[in-house]
Amino acid sequence: MIQDVRQWREFENAWIASHKPDFEENIRLVDGMYELARSMGKFTAADALEGLEKNIRLASILHHVRETP
């Protein structure tokens, strides 16, 4: 548990400033996580597009909402 939030934020900001984004490394990480999930039986070809239409519809609705109540 984080005891000193200010100190944690300072650490995060320093870490972010010293570690520039690396697109290729990020792609390797995503590919590795995807392969791990597939090896565990997730993301099979049968469910690759499952829920896509629902997600597209939801994104369209949310895109047109100007503000939340």
N, C-alpha and C. Protein backbone atom coordinates (compact mmCIF):
# COMPACT_ATOMS: atom_id res chain seq x y z
N MET A 1 0.83 -1.17 0.00
CA MET A 1 0.00 0.00 0.00
C MET A 1 0.89 1.25 0.00
N ILE A 2 0.49 2.23 -0.76
CA ILE A 2 1.26 3.48 -0.85
C ILE A 2 0.95 4.34 0.37
N GLN A 3 1.99 4.68 1.11
CA GLN A 3 1.83 5.49 2.32
C GLN A 3 1.94 6.98 2.02
N ASP A 4 2.88 7.35 1.16
CA ASP A 4 3.14 8.76 0.87
C ASP A 4 2.84 9.01 -0.61
N VAL A 5 1.64 9.51 -0.89
CA VAL A 5 1.20 9.70 -2.26
C VAL A 5 2.07 10.71 -2.99
N ARG A 6 2.47 11.77 -2.31
CA ARG A 6 3.31 12.79 -2.94
C ARG A 6 4.64 12.19 -3.39
N GLN A 7 5.25 11.40 -2.54
CA GLN A 7 6.52 10.75 -2.88
C GLN A 7 6.33 9.79 -4.06
N TRP A 8 5.22 9.07 -4.07
CA TRP A 8 4.95 8.14 -5.16
C TRP A 8 4.80 8.89 -6.48
N ARG A 9 4.07 10.00 -6.46
CA ARG A 9 3.89 10.79 -7.69
C ARG A 9 5.23 11.34 -8.19
N GLU A 10 6.07 11.78 -7.27
CA GLU A 10 7.40 12.26 -7.66
C GLU A 10 8.20 11.14 -8.31
N PHE A 11 8.14 9.95 -7.73
CA PHE A 11 8.82 8.79 -8.31
C PHE A 11 8.29 8.49 -9.71
N GLU A 12 6.96 8.46 -9.86
CA GLU A 12 6.36 8.19 -11.16
C GLU A 12 6.80 9.21 -12.20
N ASN A 13 6.74 10.49 -11.83
CA ASN A 13 7.12 11.55 -12.77
C ASN A 13 8.58 11.42 -13.18
N ALA A 14 9.45 11.12 -12.23
CA ALA A 14 10.87 10.95 -12.55
C ALA A 14 11.09 9.74 -13.45
N TRP A 15 10.38 8.65 -13.16
CA TRP A 15 10.53 7.44 -13.97
C TRP A 15 10.05 7.68 -15.40
N ILE A 16 8.90 8.34 -15.54
CA ILE A 16 8.36 8.63 -16.87
C ILE A 16 9.31 9.54 -17.64
N ALA A 17 9.89 10.54 -16.97
CA ALA A 17 10.81 11.46 -17.64
C ALA A 17 12.08 10.76 -18.09
N SER A 18 12.51 9.73 -17.36
CA SER A 18 13.77 9.06 -17.69
C SER A 18 13.59 7.87 -18.64
N HIS A 19 12.38 7.44 -18.89
CA HIS A 19 12.11 6.30 -19.77
C HIS A 19 11.22 6.76 -20.92
N LYS A 20 11.84 7.00 -22.06
CA LYS A 20 11.09 7.43 -23.23
C LYS A 20 10.34 6.25 -23.83
N PRO A 21 9.17 6.50 -24.44
CA PRO A 21 8.40 5.42 -25.06
C PRO A 21 9.21 4.72 -26.16
N ASP A 22 9.10 3.41 -26.21
CA ASP A 22 9.77 2.61 -27.22
C ASP A 22 8.71 1.78 -27.93
N PHE A 23 8.32 2.20 -29.12
CA PHE A 23 7.25 1.56 -29.85
C PHE A 23 7.53 0.08 -30.07
N GLU A 24 8.73 -0.25 -30.50
CA GLU A 24 9.06 -1.65 -30.78
C GLU A 24 8.98 -2.51 -29.53
N GLU A 25 9.45 -2.00 -28.41
CA GLU A 25 9.37 -2.74 -27.14
C GLU A 25 7.92 -2.94 -26.73
N ASN A 26 7.10 -1.91 -26.93
CA ASN A 26 5.68 -2.03 -26.59
C ASN A 26 5.00 -3.09 -27.45
N ILE A 27 5.34 -3.14 -28.73
CA ILE A 27 4.77 -4.16 -29.62
C ILE A 27 5.20 -5.55 -29.15
N ARG A 28 6.47 -5.70 -28.78
CA ARG A 28 6.95 -7.00 -28.28
C ARG A 28 6.19 -7.41 -27.01
N LEU A 29 5.95 -6.47 -26.12
CA LEU A 29 5.20 -6.77 -24.90
C LEU A 29 3.77 -7.22 -25.21
N VAL A 30 3.10 -6.49 -26.10
CA VAL A 30 1.73 -6.85 -26.46
C VAL A 30 1.70 -8.22 -27.14
N ASP A 31 2.64 -8.46 -28.05
CA ASP A 31 2.70 -9.77 -28.71
C ASP A 31 2.93 -10.89 -27.70
N GLY A 32 3.80 -10.66 -26.75
CA GLY A 32 4.07 -11.66 -25.72
C GLY A 32 2.85 -11.95 -24.86
N MET A 33 2.14 -10.89 -24.46
CA MET A 33 0.93 -11.09 -23.66
C MET A 33 -0.14 -11.80 -24.46
N TYR A 34 -0.23 -11.47 -25.76
CA TYR A 34 -1.22 -12.13 -26.62
C TYR A 34 -0.90 -13.62 -26.75
N GLU A 35 0.36 -13.95 -26.98
CA GLU A 35 0.75 -15.36 -27.10
C GLU A 35 0.53 -16.10 -25.78
N LEU A 36 0.79 -15.46 -24.66
CA LEU A 36 0.55 -16.08 -23.37
C LEU A 36 -0.94 -16.37 -23.19
N ALA A 37 -1.78 -15.40 -23.53
CA ALA A 37 -3.22 -15.60 -23.42
C ALA A 37 -3.69 -16.73 -24.33
N ARG A 38 -3.15 -16.78 -25.54
CA ARG A 38 -3.53 -17.87 -26.46
C ARG A 38 -3.10 -19.21 -25.91
N SER A 39 -1.92 -19.29 -25.31
CA SER A 39 -1.44 -20.56 -24.76
C SER A 39 -2.29 -21.00 -23.57
N MET A 40 -2.98 -20.06 -22.95
CA MET A 40 -3.85 -20.38 -21.82
C MET A 40 -5.29 -20.64 -22.27
N GLY A 41 -5.52 -20.63 -23.60
CA GLY A 41 -6.85 -20.93 -24.13
C GLY A 41 -7.74 -19.73 -24.32
N LYS A 42 -7.20 -18.54 -24.20
CA LYS A 42 -7.98 -17.32 -24.42
C LYS A 42 -7.71 -16.83 -25.84
N PHE A 43 -8.57 -15.96 -26.34
CA PHE A 43 -8.42 -15.38 -27.68
C PHE A 43 -8.32 -16.45 -28.75
N THR A 44 -9.24 -17.40 -28.73
CA THR A 44 -9.26 -18.41 -29.78
C THR A 44 -9.88 -17.81 -31.03
N ALA A 45 -9.69 -18.47 -32.15
CA ALA A 45 -10.23 -17.98 -33.42
C ALA A 45 -11.76 -17.90 -33.36
N ALA A 46 -12.39 -18.78 -32.60
CA ALA A 46 -13.85 -18.81 -32.52
C ALA A 46 -14.41 -17.54 -31.89
N ASP A 47 -13.71 -16.94 -30.94
CA ASP A 47 -14.24 -15.75 -30.27
C ASP A 47 -13.52 -14.46 -30.67
N ALA A 48 -12.80 -14.48 -31.77
CA ALA A 48 -12.02 -13.32 -32.17
C ALA A 48 -12.88 -12.08 -32.39
N LEU A 49 -14.06 -12.26 -32.97
CA LEU A 49 -14.92 -11.11 -33.27
C LEU A 49 -16.14 -11.04 -32.36
N GLU A 50 -16.19 -11.89 -31.36
CA GLU A 50 -17.33 -11.92 -30.45
C GLU A 50 -17.46 -10.59 -29.72
N GLY A 51 -18.63 -9.99 -29.80
CA GLY A 51 -18.89 -8.74 -29.11
C GLY A 51 -18.44 -7.50 -29.85
N LEU A 52 -17.85 -7.66 -31.03
CA LEU A 52 -17.33 -6.51 -31.77
C LEU A 52 -18.44 -5.54 -32.15
N GLU A 53 -19.56 -6.06 -32.66
CA GLU A 53 -20.66 -5.19 -33.06
C GLU A 53 -21.19 -4.39 -31.87
N LYS A 54 -21.30 -5.05 -30.72
CA LYS A 54 -21.77 -4.38 -29.50
C LYS A 54 -20.80 -3.27 -29.10
N ASN A 55 -19.50 -3.56 -29.18
CA ASN A 55 -18.50 -2.56 -28.81
C ASN A 55 -18.51 -1.37 -29.76
N ILE A 56 -18.69 -1.63 -31.05
CA ILE A 56 -18.75 -0.54 -32.04
C ILE A 56 -19.97 0.33 -31.77
N ARG A 57 -21.11 -0.30 -31.49
CA ARG A 57 -22.33 0.46 -31.20
C ARG A 57 -22.15 1.30 -29.93
N LEU A 58 -21.58 0.71 -28.89
CA LEU A 58 -21.35 1.43 -27.64
C LEU A 58 -20.40 2.61 -27.86
N ALA A 59 -19.34 2.40 -28.61
CA ALA A 59 -18.38 3.47 -28.89
C ALA A 59 -19.05 4.61 -29.65
N SER A 60 -19.92 4.26 -30.60
CA SER A 60 -20.63 5.27 -31.36
C SER A 60 -21.55 6.09 -30.46
N ILE A 61 -22.25 5.41 -29.57
CA ILE A 61 -23.14 6.11 -28.64
C ILE A 61 -22.34 7.03 -27.73
N LEU A 62 -21.26 6.51 -27.15
CA LEU A 62 -20.45 7.32 -26.24
C LEU A 62 -19.79 8.50 -26.94
N HIS A 63 -19.46 8.32 -28.21
CA HIS A 63 -18.82 9.39 -28.97
C HIS A 63 -19.77 10.58 -29.14
N HIS A 64 -21.07 10.32 -29.16
CA HIS A 64 -22.04 11.38 -29.38
C HIS A 64 -22.58 11.99 -28.10
N VAL A 65 -22.17 11.49 -26.94
CA VAL A 65 -22.60 12.06 -25.67
C VAL A 65 -21.74 13.29 -25.38
N ARG A 66 -22.38 14.42 -25.15
CA ARG A 66 -21.62 15.65 -24.94
C ARG A 66 -21.13 15.77 -23.50
N GLU A 67 -21.91 15.36 -22.55
CA GLU A 67 -21.49 15.44 -21.15
C GLU A 67 -22.24 14.38 -20.35
N THR A 68 -21.68 14.02 -19.23
CA THR A 68 -22.33 13.04 -18.37
C THR A 68 -23.15 13.75 -17.31
N PRO A 69 -24.22 13.12 -16.85
CA PRO A 69 -25.08 13.78 -15.84
C PRO A 69 -24.38 13.95 -14.52
